[in-house]
C-alpha atoms as a PDB file:
ATOM      1  CA  MET A   1       9.608 -13.610  27.762  1.00  0.00           C
ATOM      2  CA  ARG A   2       9.590 -10.150  29.277  1.00  0.00           C
ATOM      3  CA  PHE A   3      11.424  -6.953  28.585  1.00  0.00           C
ATOM      4  CA  GLU A   4      12.053  -3.975  30.829  1.00  0.00           C
ATOM      5  CA  LYS A   5       8.994  -1.907  31.642  1.00  0.00           C
ATOM      6  CA  THR A   6       7.630  -1.217  28.213  1.00  0.00           C
ATOM      7  CA  GLY A   7       4.019  -0.597  27.355  1.00  0.00           C
ATOM      8  CA  TRP A   8       4.125  -1.278  23.620  1.00  0.00           C
ATOM      9  CA  ALA A   9       2.197  -4.384  22.682  1.00  0.00           C
ATOM     10  CA  VAL A  10       3.161  -6.638  19.800  1.00  0.00           C
ATOM     11  CA  GLY A  11       0.829  -9.326  18.467  1.00  0.00           C
ATOM     12  CA  VAL A  12       2.408 -12.799  18.540  1.00  0.00           C
ATOM     13  CA  SER A  13       1.235 -16.375  18.136  1.00  0.00           C
ATOM     14  CA  ALA A  14      -0.061 -18.188  21.191  1.00  0.00           C
ATOM     15  CA  ALA A  15       2.695 -20.733  20.716  1.00  0.00           C
ATOM     16  CA  ILE A  16       5.271 -18.583  22.449  1.00  0.00           C
ATOM     17  CA  ALA A  17       2.885 -16.131  24.177  1.00  0.00           C
ATOM     18  CA  LEU A  18       5.172 -13.133  24.048  1.00  0.00           C
ATOM     19  CA  ALA A  19       3.827 -10.328  26.212  1.00  0.00           C
ATOM     20  CA  LEU A  20       4.895  -6.863  27.202  1.00  0.00           C
ATOM     21  CA  LEU A  21       4.129  -5.316  30.556  1.00  0.00           C
ATOM     22  CA  ALA A  22       0.988  -3.227  30.546  1.00  0.00           C
ATOM     23  CA  GLY A  23       2.723   0.109  30.771  1.00  0.00           C
ATOM     24  CA  CYS A  24       5.657   2.141  31.983  1.00  0.00           C
ATOM     25  CA  LYS A  25       5.413   3.263  35.585  1.00  0.00           C
ATOM     26  CA  LYS A  26       4.433   6.856  35.977  1.00  0.00           C
ATOM     27  CA  GLU A  27       7.526   7.517  38.070  1.00  0.00           C
ATOM     28  CA  ARG A  28       9.601   6.655  34.989  1.00  0.00           C
ATOM     29  CA  ALA A  29       7.664   9.201  32.984  1.00  0.00           C
ATOM     30  CA  ALA A  30       8.574  11.768  35.628  1.00  0.00           C
ATOM     31  CA  ALA A  31      12.293  10.919  35.627  1.00  0.00           C
ATOM     32  CA  SER A  32      14.591  13.855  35.161  1.00  0.00           C
ATOM     33  CA  ALA A  33      16.408  14.464  31.904  1.00  0.00           C
ATOM     34  CA  GLU A  34      19.668  13.977  33.810  1.00  0.00           C
ATOM     35  CA  ASP A  35      18.634  10.487  34.912  1.00  0.00           C
ATOM     36  CA  ALA A  36      17.455   9.639  31.403  1.00  0.00           C
ATOM     37  CA  ALA A  37      20.761  10.688  29.875  1.00  0.00           C
ATOM     38  CA  ALA A  38      22.591   8.357  32.244  1.00  0.00           C
ATOM     39  CA  VAL A  39      21.052   5.298  30.555  1.00  0.00           C
ATOM     40  CA  ALA A  40      22.667   4.240  27.269  1.00  0.00           C
ATOM     41  CA  PRO A  41      20.063   4.490  24.488  1.00  0.00           C
ATOM     42  CA  ASP A  42      21.225   1.343  22.712  1.00  0.00           C
ATOM     43  CA  ASN A  43      21.547  -1.167  25.546  1.00  0.00           C
ATOM     44  CA  ALA A  44      20.302  -4.737  25.375  1.00  0.00           C
ATOM     45  CA  ALA A  45      16.678  -3.743  25.932  1.00  0.00           C
ATOM     46  CA  GLY A  46      16.687  -1.394  22.932  1.00  0.00           C
ATOM     47  CA  ALA A  47      16.740  -2.145  19.248  1.00  0.00           C
ATOM     48  CA  LYS A  48      20.170  -3.072  17.900  1.00  0.00           C
ATOM     49  CA  GLN A  49      21.737  -0.208  15.963  1.00  0.00           C
ATOM     50  CA  ALA A  50      22.521  -1.245  12.408  1.00  0.00           C
ATOM     51  CA  GLY A  51      25.543   0.547  11.065  1.00  0.00           C
ATOM     52  CA  ASP A  52      28.534  -1.680  11.716  1.00  0.00           C
ATOM     53  CA  ASP A  53      29.309  -1.602   8.001  1.00  0.00           C
ATOM     54  CA  GLY A  54      31.554   1.444   8.232  1.00  0.00           C
ATOM     55  CA  VAL A  55      28.964   4.016   7.154  1.00  0.00           C
ATOM     56  CA  ALA A  56      28.538   6.605   9.863  1.00  0.00           C
ATOM     57  CA  PRO A  57      25.040   7.788  10.839  1.00  0.00           C
ATOM     58  CA  GLY A  58      24.041  10.636   8.572  1.00  0.00           C
ATOM     59  CA  GLN A  59      26.546   9.702   5.890  1.00  0.00           C
ATOM     60  CA  ALA A  60      24.985   8.818   2.545  1.00  0.00           C
ATOM     61  CA  GLY A  61      25.713   5.288   1.398  1.00  0.00           C
ATOM     62  CA  GLU A  62      24.202   2.239  -0.261  1.00  0.00           C
ATOM     63  CA  PHE A  63      21.957   0.287   2.072  1.00  0.00           C
ATOM     64  CA  ASP A  64      22.363  -3.482   1.796  1.00  0.00           C
ATOM     65  CA  ILE A  65      19.325  -5.133   3.357  1.00  0.00           C
ATOM     66  CA  SER A  66      21.011  -8.533   3.225  1.00  0.00           C
ATOM     67  CA  THR A  67      23.267  -7.449   6.112  1.00  0.00           C
ATOM     68  CA  ILE A  68      20.264  -7.149   8.452  1.00  0.00           C
ATOM     69  CA  PRO A  69      19.471 -10.283  10.525  1.00  0.00           C
ATOM     70  CA  LEU A  70      16.381 -12.178   9.408  1.00  0.00           C
ATOM     71  CA  SER A  71      13.615 -12.262  12.022  1.00  0.00           C
ATOM     72  CA  LYS A  72      11.790 -15.549  12.608  1.00  0.00           C
ATOM     73  CA  VAL A  73       9.682 -14.296  15.554  1.00  0.00           C
ATOM     74  CA  PRO A  74       6.036 -15.348  15.122  1.00  0.00           C
ATOM     75  CA  LEU A  75       3.961 -12.179  14.850  1.00  0.00           C
ATOM     76  CA  GLY A  76       0.257 -11.531  15.030  1.00  0.00           C
ATOM     77  CA  ASP A  77      -1.752  -9.302  12.732  1.00  0.00           C
ATOM     78  CA  PHE A  78      -0.650  -6.132  10.967  1.00  0.00           C
ATOM     79  CA  PRO A  79       0.279  -3.483  12.186  1.00  0.00           C
ATOM     80  CA  TYR A  80       1.735  -5.585  15.042  1.00  0.00           C
ATOM     81  CA  ILE A  81       1.760  -2.788  17.636  1.00  0.00           C
ATOM     82  CA  SER A  82      -0.604  -0.949  19.962  1.00  0.00           C
ATOM     83  CA  LEU A  83       0.052   2.214  21.925  1.00  0.00           C
ATOM     84  CA  PRO A  84       1.527   2.135  25.442  1.00  0.00           C
ATOM     85  CA  GLN A  85      -0.706   2.594  28.444  1.00  0.00           C
ATOM     86  CA  GLY A  86      -1.363   6.284  29.010  1.00  0.00           C
ATOM     87  CA  TYR A  87      -1.104   7.214  25.333  1.00  0.00           C
ATOM     88  CA  VAL A  88      -3.795   7.578  22.698  1.00  0.00           C
ATOM     89  CA  SER A  89      -4.125   8.263  19.001  1.00  0.00           C
ATOM     90  CA  ASN A  90      -4.429  11.960  18.189  1.00  0.00           C
ATOM     91  CA  GLY A  91      -7.208  11.480  15.651  1.00  0.00           C
ATOM     92  CA  ASP A  92      -8.087   8.189  13.996  1.00  0.00           C
ATOM     93  CA  PRO A  93      -5.203   6.030  12.769  1.00  0.00           C
ATOM     94  CA  GLU A  94      -5.098   5.518   9.014  1.00  0.00           C
ATOM     95  CA  THR A  95      -4.397   2.480   6.877  1.00  0.00           C
ATOM     96  CA  LYS A  96      -3.310   2.253   3.247  1.00  0.00           C
ATOM     97  CA  GLN A  97      -3.601  -1.067   1.445  1.00  0.00           C
ATOM     98  CA  ILE A  98      -1.093  -0.081  -1.223  1.00  0.00           C
ATOM     99  CA  ALA A  99       1.185   2.954  -1.243  1.00  0.00           C
ATOM    100  CA  ARG A 100       4.837   3.995  -1.253  1.00  0.00           C
ATOM    101  CA  PHE A 101       6.789   5.753   1.478  1.00  0.00           C
ATOM    102  CA  PRO A 102      10.432   6.948   1.651  1.00  0.00           C
ATOM    103  CA  PHE A 103      11.997   5.537   4.822  1.00  0.00           C
ATOM    104  CA  TRP A 104      15.131   7.546   5.559  1.00  0.00           C
ATOM    105  CA  VAL A 105      18.270   5.361   5.783  1.00  0.00           C
ATOM    106  CA  LYS A 106      21.893   6.528   5.834  1.00  0.00           C
ATOM    107  CA  GLY A 107      21.334   9.889   4.234  1.00  0.00           C
ATOM    108  CA  ARG A 108      18.879   8.858   1.535  1.00  0.00           C
ATOM    109  CA  ALA A 109      15.305   7.747   1.009  1.00  0.00           C
ATOM    110  CA  HIS A 110      14.613   4.036   0.718  1.00  0.00           C
ATOM    111  CA  TRP A 111      11.249   3.759  -1.021  1.00  0.00           C
ATOM    112  CA  VAL A 112       9.052   0.942   0.207  1.00  0.00           C
ATOM    113  CA  GLU A 113       5.863  -0.197  -1.508  1.00  0.00           C
ATOM    114  CA  GLY A 114       3.243  -2.101   0.429  1.00  0.00           C
ATOM    115  CA  ARG A 115       0.567  -1.595   3.079  1.00  0.00           C
ATOM    116  CA  PHE A 116       0.798   1.055   5.788  1.00  0.00           C
ATOM    117  CA  TYR A 117      -0.523   1.988   9.215  1.00  0.00           C
ATOM    118  CA  LEU A 118      -0.277   5.659  10.281  1.00  0.00           C
ATOM    119  CA  VAL A 119      -0.850   7.005  13.790  1.00  0.00           C
ATOM    120  CA  ASN A 120      -0.132  10.151  15.794  1.00  0.00           C
ATOM    121  CA  VAL A 121       0.742   9.386  19.425  1.00  0.00           C
ATOM    122  CA  TYR A 122      -0.545  11.761  22.099  1.00  0.00           C
ATOM    123  CA  PRO A 123      -0.625  11.580  25.915  1.00  0.00           C
ATOM    124  CA  GLY A 124      -3.900  10.571  27.523  1.00  0.00           C
ATOM    125  CA  GLN A 125      -3.505  13.420  30.015  1.00  0.00           C
ATOM    126  CA  GLU A 126      -2.278  16.916  29.284  1.00  0.00           C
ATOM    127  CA  GLY A 127       1.446  17.261  29.873  1.00  0.00           C
ATOM    128  CA  GLY A 128       1.931  13.509  30.101  1.00  0.00           C
ATOM    129  CA  TYR A 129       4.058  13.055  26.980  1.00  0.00           C
ATOM    130  CA  ASN A 130       7.551  11.725  27.737  1.00  0.00           C
ATOM    131  CA  PRO A 131       9.773  11.515  24.611  1.00  0.00           C
ATOM    132  CA  TYR A 132      12.384   9.371  26.351  1.00  0.00           C
ATOM    133  CA  GLU A 133       9.748   6.919  27.524  1.00  0.00           C
ATOM    134  CA  LEU A 134       8.277   6.578  24.032  1.00  0.00           C
ATOM    135  CA  ARG A 135      11.695   6.124  22.480  1.00  0.00           C
ATOM    136  CA  ARG A 136      12.708   3.348  24.856  1.00  0.00           C
ATOM    137  CA  ASN A 137       9.359   1.627  24.480  1.00  0.00           C
ATOM    138  CA  LEU A 138       9.663   1.552  20.697  1.00  0.00           C
ATOM    139  CA  ASP A 139      13.287   0.378  20.855  1.00  0.00           C
ATOM    140  CA  ALA A 140      12.237  -2.528  23.077  1.00  0.00           C
ATOM    141  CA  LEU A 141       9.295  -3.432  20.871  1.00  0.00           C
ATOM    142  CA  VAL A 142      11.412  -3.594  17.718  1.00  0.00           C
ATOM    143  CA  ALA A 143      14.034  -5.693  19.517  1.00  0.00           C
ATOM    144  CA  GLN A 144      11.306  -8.114  20.601  1.00  0.00           C
ATOM    145  CA  MET A 145      10.150  -8.399  17.000  1.00  0.00           C
ATOM    146  CA  GLY A 146      13.700  -9.304  15.965  1.00  0.00           C
ATOM    147  CA  GLY A 147      14.364  -5.973  14.278  1.00  0.00           C
ATOM    148  CA  VAL A 148      17.023  -3.259  14.347  1.00  0.00           C
ATOM    149  CA  LYS A 149      17.258   0.510  14.358  1.00  0.00           C
ATOM    150  CA  LEU A 150      18.750   1.525  11.028  1.00  0.00           C
ATOM    151  CA  SER A 151      19.262   5.237  11.580  1.00  0.00           C
ATOM    152  CA  GLU A 152      18.212   8.393  13.392  1.00  0.00           C
ATOM    153  CA  GLU A 153      18.820  11.418  11.185  1.00  0.00           C
ATOM    154  CA  LYS A 154      17.474  14.790  10.221  1.00  0.00           C
ATOM    155  CA  ILE A 155      16.009  14.756   6.693  1.00  0.00           C
ATOM    156  CA  PRO A 156      16.969  17.801   4.579  1.00  0.00           C
ATOM    157  CA  TYR A 157      14.091  20.246   4.181  1.00  0.00           C
ATOM    158  CA  ASP A 158      14.412  20.408   0.386  1.00  0.00           C
ATOM    159  CA  THR A 159      14.275  16.609   0.200  1.00  0.00           C
ATOM    160  CA  ILE A 160      10.999  16.502   2.138  1.00  0.00           C
ATOM    161  CA  LYS A 161       9.453  19.206  -0.048  1.00  0.00           C
ATOM    162  CA  GLY A 162      10.610  17.325  -3.125  1.00  0.00           C
ATOM    163  CA  TRP A 163       8.479  14.341  -2.130  1.00  0.00           C
ATOM    164  CA  GLY A 164       5.401  16.444  -2.764  1.00  0.00           C
ATOM    165  CA  ASP A 165       1.827  15.979  -1.597  1.00  0.00           C
ATOM    166  CA  GLU A 166       1.980  12.213  -2.036  1.00  0.00           C
ATOM    167  CA  ILE A 167       4.056  12.081   1.158  1.00  0.00           C
ATOM    168  CA  THR A 168       3.692  15.421   2.957  1.00  0.00           C
ATOM    169  CA  SER A 169      -0.107  15.269   2.729  1.00  0.00           C
ATOM    170  CA  GLY A 170      -0.785  11.602   2.075  1.00  0.00           C
ATOM    171  CA  PHE A 171       1.239  10.546   5.117  1.00  0.00           C
ATOM    172  CA  LEU A 172       0.528  13.601   7.264  1.00  0.00           C
ATOM    173  CA  THR A 173      -0.784  11.284   9.952  1.00  0.00           C
ATOM    174  CA  GLY A 174       2.262   9.490  11.303  1.00  0.00           C
ATOM    175  CA  LEU A 175       4.875  11.654   9.587  1.00  0.00           C
ATOM    176  CA  GLY A 176       5.627  13.744  12.666  1.00  0.00           C
ATOM    177  CA  ASP A 177       7.431  17.077  12.598  1.00  0.00           C
ATOM    178  CA  VAL A 178      10.173  15.848  10.255  1.00  0.00           C
ATOM    179  CA  TYR A 179      10.846  19.420   9.184  1.00  0.00           C
ATOM    180  CA  ASN A 180      12.363  20.121  12.609  1.00  0.00           C
ATOM    181  CA  VAL A 181      13.197  16.819  14.320  1.00  0.00           C
ATOM    182  CA  PRO A 182      15.149  13.699  13.295  1.00  0.00           C
ATOM    183  CA  ALA A 183      13.408  10.688  11.803  1.00  0.00           C
ATOM    184  CA  THR A 184      14.179   7.258  13.221  1.00  0.00           C
ATOM    185  CA  THR A 185      13.890   4.234  10.951  1.00  0.00           C
ATOM    186  CA  TYR A 186      13.559   0.646  12.185  1.00  0.00           C
ATOM    187  CA  LEU A 187      13.502  -2.541  10.127  1.00  0.00           C
ATOM    188  CA  VAL A 188      12.243  -6.031  10.887  1.00  0.00           C
ATOM    189  CA  ARG A 189      13.537  -8.122   7.999  1.00  0.00           C
ATOM    190  CA  ARG A 190      11.237 -11.050   7.261  1.00  0.00           C
ATOM    191  CA  ASP A 191      10.677 -13.637   4.568  1.00  0.00           C
ATOM    192  CA  ASP A 192       6.943 -12.883   4.609  1.00  0.00           C
ATOM    193  CA  GLY A 193       7.408  -9.138   4.038  1.00  0.00           C
ATOM    194  CA  ASN A 194       9.862  -6.720   5.613  1.00  0.00           C
ATOM    195  CA  ILE A 195       8.360  -4.460   8.286  1.00  0.00           C
ATOM    196  CA  TRP A 196       9.535  -0.844   8.332  1.00  0.00           C
ATOM    197  CA  ILE A 197       8.817   1.682  11.083  1.00  0.00           C
ATOM    198  CA  HIS A 198       9.217   5.461  10.829  1.00  0.00           C
ATOM    199  CA  PHE A 199       9.166   7.428  14.091  1.00  0.00           C
ATOM    200  CA  ALA A 200       9.455  11.187  14.624  1.00  0.00           C
ATOM    201  CA  GLN A 201       8.542  13.046  17.811  1.00  0.00           C
ATOM    202  CA  ASP A 202       8.798  16.456  19.418  1.00  0.00           C
ATOM    203  CA  SER A 203       8.147  17.367  23.043  1.00  0.00           C
ATOM    204  CA  THR A 204       4.354  17.006  22.831  1.00  0.00           C
ATOM    205  CA  GLN A 205       3.526  14.145  20.433  1.00  0.00           C
ATOM    206  CA  GLY A 206       4.981  11.642  18.012  1.00  0.00           C
ATOM    207  CA  GLY A 207       4.196  10.162  14.628  1.00  0.00           C
ATOM    208  CA  ILE A 208       4.563   6.510  13.650  1.00  0.00           C
ATOM    209  CA  ILE A 209       4.301   4.873  10.232  1.00  0.00           C
ATOM    210  CA  VAL A 210       4.416   1.087   9.992  1.00  0.00           C
ATOM    211  CA  GLY A 211       4.901  -0.277   6.494  1.00  0.00           C
ATOM    212  CA  GLN A 212       5.079  -3.870   5.334  1.00  0.00           C
ATOM    213  CA  GLU A 213       6.476  -4.624   1.926  1.00  0.00           C
ATOM    214  CA  LYS A 214       4.159  -6.522  -0.348  1.00  0.00           C
ATOM    215  CA  GLY A 215       5.652  -9.255  -2.454  1.00  0.00           C
ATOM    216  CA  PHE A 216       5.431  -8.578  -6.148  1.00  0.00           C
ATOM    217  CA  VAL A 217       2.550 -10.264  -7.944  1.00  0.00           C
ATOM    218  CA  ALA A 218       3.078 -10.505 -11.678  1.00  0.00           C
ATOM    219  CA  THR A 219       0.249  -8.976 -13.690  1.00  0.00           C
ATOM    220  CA  ALA A 220       1.794  -9.222 -17.148  1.00  0.00           C
ATOM    221  CA  SER A 221       2.719 -12.371 -19.035  1.00  0.00           C
ATOM    222  CA  LEU A 222       6.166 -12.978 -20.444  1.00  0.00           C
ATOM    223  CA  LEU A 223       6.756 -11.133 -23.714  1.00  0.00           C
ATOM    224  CA  PRO A 224       8.476 -13.676 -26.006  1.00  0.00           C
ATOM    225  CA  ALA A 225      11.185 -12.783 -28.489  1.00  0.00           C
ATOM    226  CA  SER A 226       8.782 -13.190 -31.426  1.00  0.00           C
ATOM    227  CA  GLU A 227       6.332 -10.624 -29.993  1.00  0.00           C
ATOM    228  CA  MET A 228       9.137  -8.181 -29.197  1.00  0.00           C
ATOM    229  CA  LYS A 229      10.330  -8.466 -32.814  1.00  0.00           C
ATOM    230  CA  LYS A 230       6.823  -7.682 -34.109  1.00  0.00           C
ATOM    231  CA  GLN A 231       6.571  -4.526 -32.001  1.00  0.00           C
ATOM    232  CA  LEU A 232      10.097  -3.408 -32.902  1.00  0.00           C
ATOM    233  CA  ASP A 233       9.394  -3.905 -36.617  1.00  0.00           C
ATOM    234  CA  ALA A 234       6.090  -2.009 -36.330  1.00  0.00           C
ATOM    235  CA  SER A 235       7.050   0.946 -34.120  1.00  0.00           C
ATOM    236  CA  GLY A 236      10.765   0.709 -33.473  1.00  0.00           C
ATOM    237  CA  LYS A 237      10.358   0.125 -29.737  1.00  0.00           C
ATOM    238  CA  VAL A 238       8.818  -2.186 -27.170  1.00  0.00           C
ATOM    239  CA  ALA A 239       8.146  -1.700 -23.438  1.00  0.00           C
ATOM    240  CA  LEU A 240       9.000  -4.444 -20.935  1.00  0.00           C
ATOM    241  CA  GLN A 241       8.004  -4.816 -17.295  1.00  0.00           C
ATOM    242  CA  VAL A 242      11.377  -5.721 -15.817  1.00  0.00           C
ATOM    243  CA  ASN A 243      11.185  -5.802 -12.024  1.00  0.00           C
ATOM    244  CA  PHE A 244      13.955  -4.435  -9.834  1.00  0.00           C
ATOM    245  CA  ALA A 245      14.605  -4.451  -6.098  1.00  0.00           C
ATOM    246  CA  THR A 246      12.913  -1.435  -4.493  1.00  0.00           C
ATOM    247  CA  ASP A 247      14.938   1.722  -5.148  1.00  0.00           C
ATOM    248  CA  ARG A 248      17.879  -0.342  -6.434  1.00  0.00           C
ATOM    249  CA  ILE A 249      19.283  -1.487  -9.771  1.00  0.00           C
ATOM    250  CA  GLN A 250      19.255  -5.256  -9.166  1.00  0.00           C
ATOM    251  CA  VAL A 251      16.945  -7.169 -11.508  1.00  0.00           C
ATOM    252  CA  LEU A 252      14.705  -9.507  -9.496  1.00  0.00           C
ATOM    253  CA  PRO A 253      14.828 -13.251 -10.264  1.00  0.00           C
ATOM    254  CA  GLU A 254      11.261 -13.327 -11.608  1.00  0.00           C
ATOM    255  CA  SER A 255      12.347 -11.028 -14.461  1.00  0.00           C
ATOM    256  CA  MET A 256      15.259 -13.160 -15.616  1.00  0.00           C
ATOM    257  CA  PRO A 257      13.088 -15.148 -18.101  1.00  0.00           C
ATOM    258  CA  GLN A 258      12.248 -11.814 -19.777  1.00  0.00           C
ATOM    259  CA  ILE A 259      15.963 -10.972 -19.998  1.00  0.00           C
ATOM    260  CA  GLU A 260      16.524 -14.405 -21.574  1.00  0.00           C
ATOM    261  CA  GLN A 261      13.938 -13.549 -24.238  1.00  0.00           C
ATOM    262  CA  VAL A 262      15.700 -10.268 -25.037  1.00  0.00           C
ATOM    263  CA  ALA A 263      18.967 -12.171 -25.425  1.00  0.00           C
ATOM    264  CA  ALA A 264      17.214 -14.656 -27.731  1.00  0.00           C
ATOM    265  CA  LEU A 265      15.851 -11.759 -29.806  1.00  0.00           C
ATOM    266  CA  LEU A 266      19.350 -10.367 -30.292  1.00  0.00           C
ATOM    267  CA  LYS A 267      20.848 -13.767 -31.096  1.00  0.00           C
ATOM    268  CA  ASP A 268      18.136 -14.477 -33.680  1.00  0.00           C
ATOM    269  CA  ASP A 269      18.971 -11.204 -35.467  1.00  0.00           C
ATOM    270  CA  PRO A 270      22.749 -10.515 -35.297  1.00  0.00           C
ATOM    271  CA  SER A 271      22.295  -7.176 -37.107  1.00  0.00           C
ATOM    272  CA  LEU A 272      19.859  -5.803 -34.493  1.00  0.00           C
ATOM    273  CA  GLN A 273      21.188  -3.005 -32.271  1.00  0.00           C
ATOM    274  CA  LEU A 274      19.222  -1.670 -29.319  1.00  0.00           C
ATOM    275  CA  VAL A 275      19.084   1.239 -26.940  1.00  0.00           C
ATOM    276  CA  ILE A 276      17.974   0.081 -23.482  1.00  0.00           C
ATOM    277  CA  ASN A 277      15.973   2.902 -21.882  1.00  0.00           C
ATOM    278  CA  GLY A 278      15.202   2.961 -18.163  1.00  0.00           C
ATOM    279  CA  HIS A 279      12.135   4.775 -16.775  1.00  0.00           C
ATOM    280  CA  THR A 280      10.785   5.346 -13.233  1.00  0.00           C
ATOM    281  CA  ASP A 281       7.592   6.723 -11.741  1.00  0.00           C
ATOM    282  CA  ASP A 282       7.578  10.211 -10.201  1.00  0.00           C
ATOM    283  CA  SER A 283       8.010   9.173  -6.554  1.00  0.00           C
ATOM    284  CA  GLY A 284      10.922  10.865  -4.846  1.00  0.00           C
ATOM    285  CA  ASP A 285      13.679  13.170  -5.978  1.00  0.00           C
ATOM    286  CA  ALA A 286      13.997  13.800  -9.711  1.00  0.00           C
ATOM    287  CA  ALA A 287      17.801  13.654  -9.709  1.00  0.00           C
ATOM    288  CA  HIS A 288      17.755  10.337  -7.847  1.00  0.00           C
ATOM    289  CA  ASN A 289      15.154   8.931 -10.246  1.00  0.00           C
ATOM    290  CA  GLN A 290      17.368   9.929 -13.169  1.00  0.00           C
ATOM    291  CA  GLN A 291      20.354   8.109 -11.662  1.00  0.00           C
ATOM    292  CA  LEU A 292      18.185   5.106 -10.822  1.00  0.00           C
ATOM    293  CA  SER A 293      16.832   4.821 -14.375  1.00  0.00           C
ATOM    294  CA  GLU A 294      20.333   5.045 -15.837  1.00  0.00           C
ATOM    295  CA  GLY A 295      21.634   2.405 -13.432  1.00  0.00           C
ATOM    296  CA  ARG A 296      18.775   0.047 -14.225  1.00  0.00           C
ATOM    297  CA  ALA A 297      19.346   0.397 -17.968  1.00  0.00           C
ATOM    298  CA  ARG A 298      23.046  -0.373 -17.457  1.00  0.00           C
ATOM    299  CA  ALA A 299      22.122  -3.380 -15.316  1.00  0.00           C
ATOM    300  CA  VAL A 300      20.032  -4.835 -18.160  1.00  0.00           C
ATOM    301  CA  VAL A 301      22.879  -4.250 -20.625  1.00  0.00           C
ATOM    302  CA  ALA A 302      25.284  -6.011 -18.255  1.00  0.00           C
ATOM    303  CA  LEU A 303      22.991  -9.039 -18.018  1.00  0.00           C
ATOM    304  CA  LEU A 304      22.683  -9.244 -21.801  1.00  0.00           C
ATOM    305  CA  THR A 305      26.419  -8.979 -22.387  1.00  0.00           C
ATOM    306  CA  GLY A 306      26.833 -11.683 -19.758  1.00  0.00           C
ATOM    307  CA  LYS A 307      24.714 -13.911 -21.986  1.00  0.00           C
ATOM    308  CA  GLY A 308      27.054 -13.448 -24.935  1.00  0.00           C
ATOM    309  CA  ILE A 309      25.618 -10.335 -26.606  1.00  0.00           C
ATOM    310  CA  ASP A 310      28.319  -8.012 -27.996  1.00  0.00           C
ATOM    311  CA  ALA A 311      28.363  -4.804 -25.941  1.00  0.00           C
ATOM    312  CA  SER A 312      28.783  -2.735 -29.122  1.00  0.00           C
ATOM    313  CA  ARG A 313      25.210  -3.642 -30.082  1.00  0.00           C
ATOM    314  CA  LEU A 314      23.760  -2.128 -26.907  1.00  0.00           C
ATOM    315  CA  THR A 315      23.446   1.376 -25.477  1.00  0.00           C
ATOM    316  CA  ALA A 316      22.018   2.277 -22.054  1.00  0.00           C
ATOM    317  CA  ALA A 317      20.045   5.458 -21.338  1.00  0.00           C
ATOM    318  CA  GLY A 318      17.858   6.693 -18.490  1.00  0.00           C
ATOM    319  CA  PHE A 319      14.984   9.168 -18.453  1.00  0.00           C
ATOM    320  CA  GLY A 320      13.827   9.114 -14.838  1.00  0.00           C
ATOM    321  CA  ALA A 321      10.142  10.079 -14.609  1.00  0.00           C
ATOM    322  CA  THR A 322      10.193  12.475 -17.566  1.00  0.00           C
ATOM    323  CA  GLN A 323       8.395  10.181 -20.046  1.00  0.00           C
ATOM    324  CA  PRO A 324       5.375   8.648 -18.290  1.00  0.00           C
ATOM    325  CA  ILE A 325       2.964   6.437 -20.206  1.00  0.00           C
ATOM    326  CA  ALA A 326       0.321   6.387 -17.449  1.00  0.00           C
ATOM    327  CA  ASP A 327      -1.039   8.593 -14.667  1.00  0.00           C
ATOM    328  CA  ASN A 328       1.316   8.630 -11.666  1.00  0.00           C
ATOM    329  CA  ALA A 329      -1.647   9.406  -9.396  1.00  0.00           C
ATOM    330  CA  SER A 330      -2.447   5.689  -9.033  1.00  0.00           C
ATOM    331  CA  ALA A 331      -0.385   2.685  -7.988  1.00  0.00           C
ATOM    332  CA  GLU A 332      -1.280   0.983 -11.270  1.00  0.00           C
ATOM    333  CA  GLY A 333      -0.057   3.972 -13.254  1.00  0.00           C
ATOM    334  CA  LYS A 334       3.191   4.096 -11.333  1.00  0.00           C
ATOM    335  CA  ALA A 335       3.764   0.402 -12.026  1.00  0.00           C
ATOM    336  CA  LYS A 336       3.358   0.983 -15.765  1.00  0.00           C
ATOM    337  CA  ASN A 337       5.770   3.913 -15.696  1.00  0.00           C
ATOM    338  CA  ARG A 338       8.464   1.825 -14.005  1.00  0.00           C
ATOM    339  CA  ARG A 339       9.568   0.113 -17.185  1.00  0.00           C
ATOM    340  CA  VAL A 340      12.423  -0.743 -19.537  1.00  0.00           C
ATOM    341  CA  GLU A 341      12.077   0.056 -23.231  1.00  0.00           C
ATOM    342  CA  LEU A 342      13.969  -1.463 -26.127  1.00  0.00           C
ATOM    343  CA  VAL A 343      14.469   0.966 -28.994  1.00  0.00           C
ATOM    344  CA  LYS A 344      16.004   0.170 -32.369  1.00  0.00           C
ATOM    345  CA  ARG A 345      19.029   2.255 -33.214  1.00  0.00           C
END
């Protein structure tokens, strides 16, 4: 299988031997801006533009990952890409085994936790950077991987500053000049871990961040109703590790047994009334974290009432990142801070 002259390489299994051409012809790099504008940016060789759900680019809205086609293309090793011929890394690429990054989708940050590859793309020869060439190459690569382009939008300056050093310094390599140019987000949805790509470029170089979501690995055992009762009787509250979809309020299936135990606790003691408190880590915007924590607390209440618990016995509250129980400087600390607490009322 071949795509139009594109120098990006993607690792694939030998079974289908996918290959990209070695590089874009230099005459393409020298094409005039007028010629470049004459070619539609989202034709069949580019990544499909996701956004047929009625939400216009740049308009804030809920992002439903289930609407994105699932890719079954056999891929090679992470990070799945190499630079086109004629381009080099400006400094050494970086890798992060576990981190979080806010991929910008439809007017809001979609936080992804997993492993990351960061690289700044620079021309091998002075003056050889061609933004149009790089854009088309990346579009074609993502399409070959079975992915889509989710959005291409300018991120508000205050939003970027609100992410703090964790992002503006921690992801300096690969971030690109997002203060002044739009950020493009691609997604390759996969059963073995969704692959996200952030791309931002100016007229002289670009930044790329490849992130692959890591499946959740449970580190805490189920807290049974009897143990929850002991902690409630002793201190009036108990913390639970209820797992939610990234940056969303949906409780993941692996946490449903814990919800069942909370329902059992309430059924065993009909006089017990609880406040369900939602908490997040400090990643991202404080106002968004507050809304997220409130929504997650309400989601737990809804699940409990769905199991026959009287709604009058339950109250939902959210505290965002204002009440940490661990240091947010580490991934382990962040995981502890993302919690649900049951408090006697």
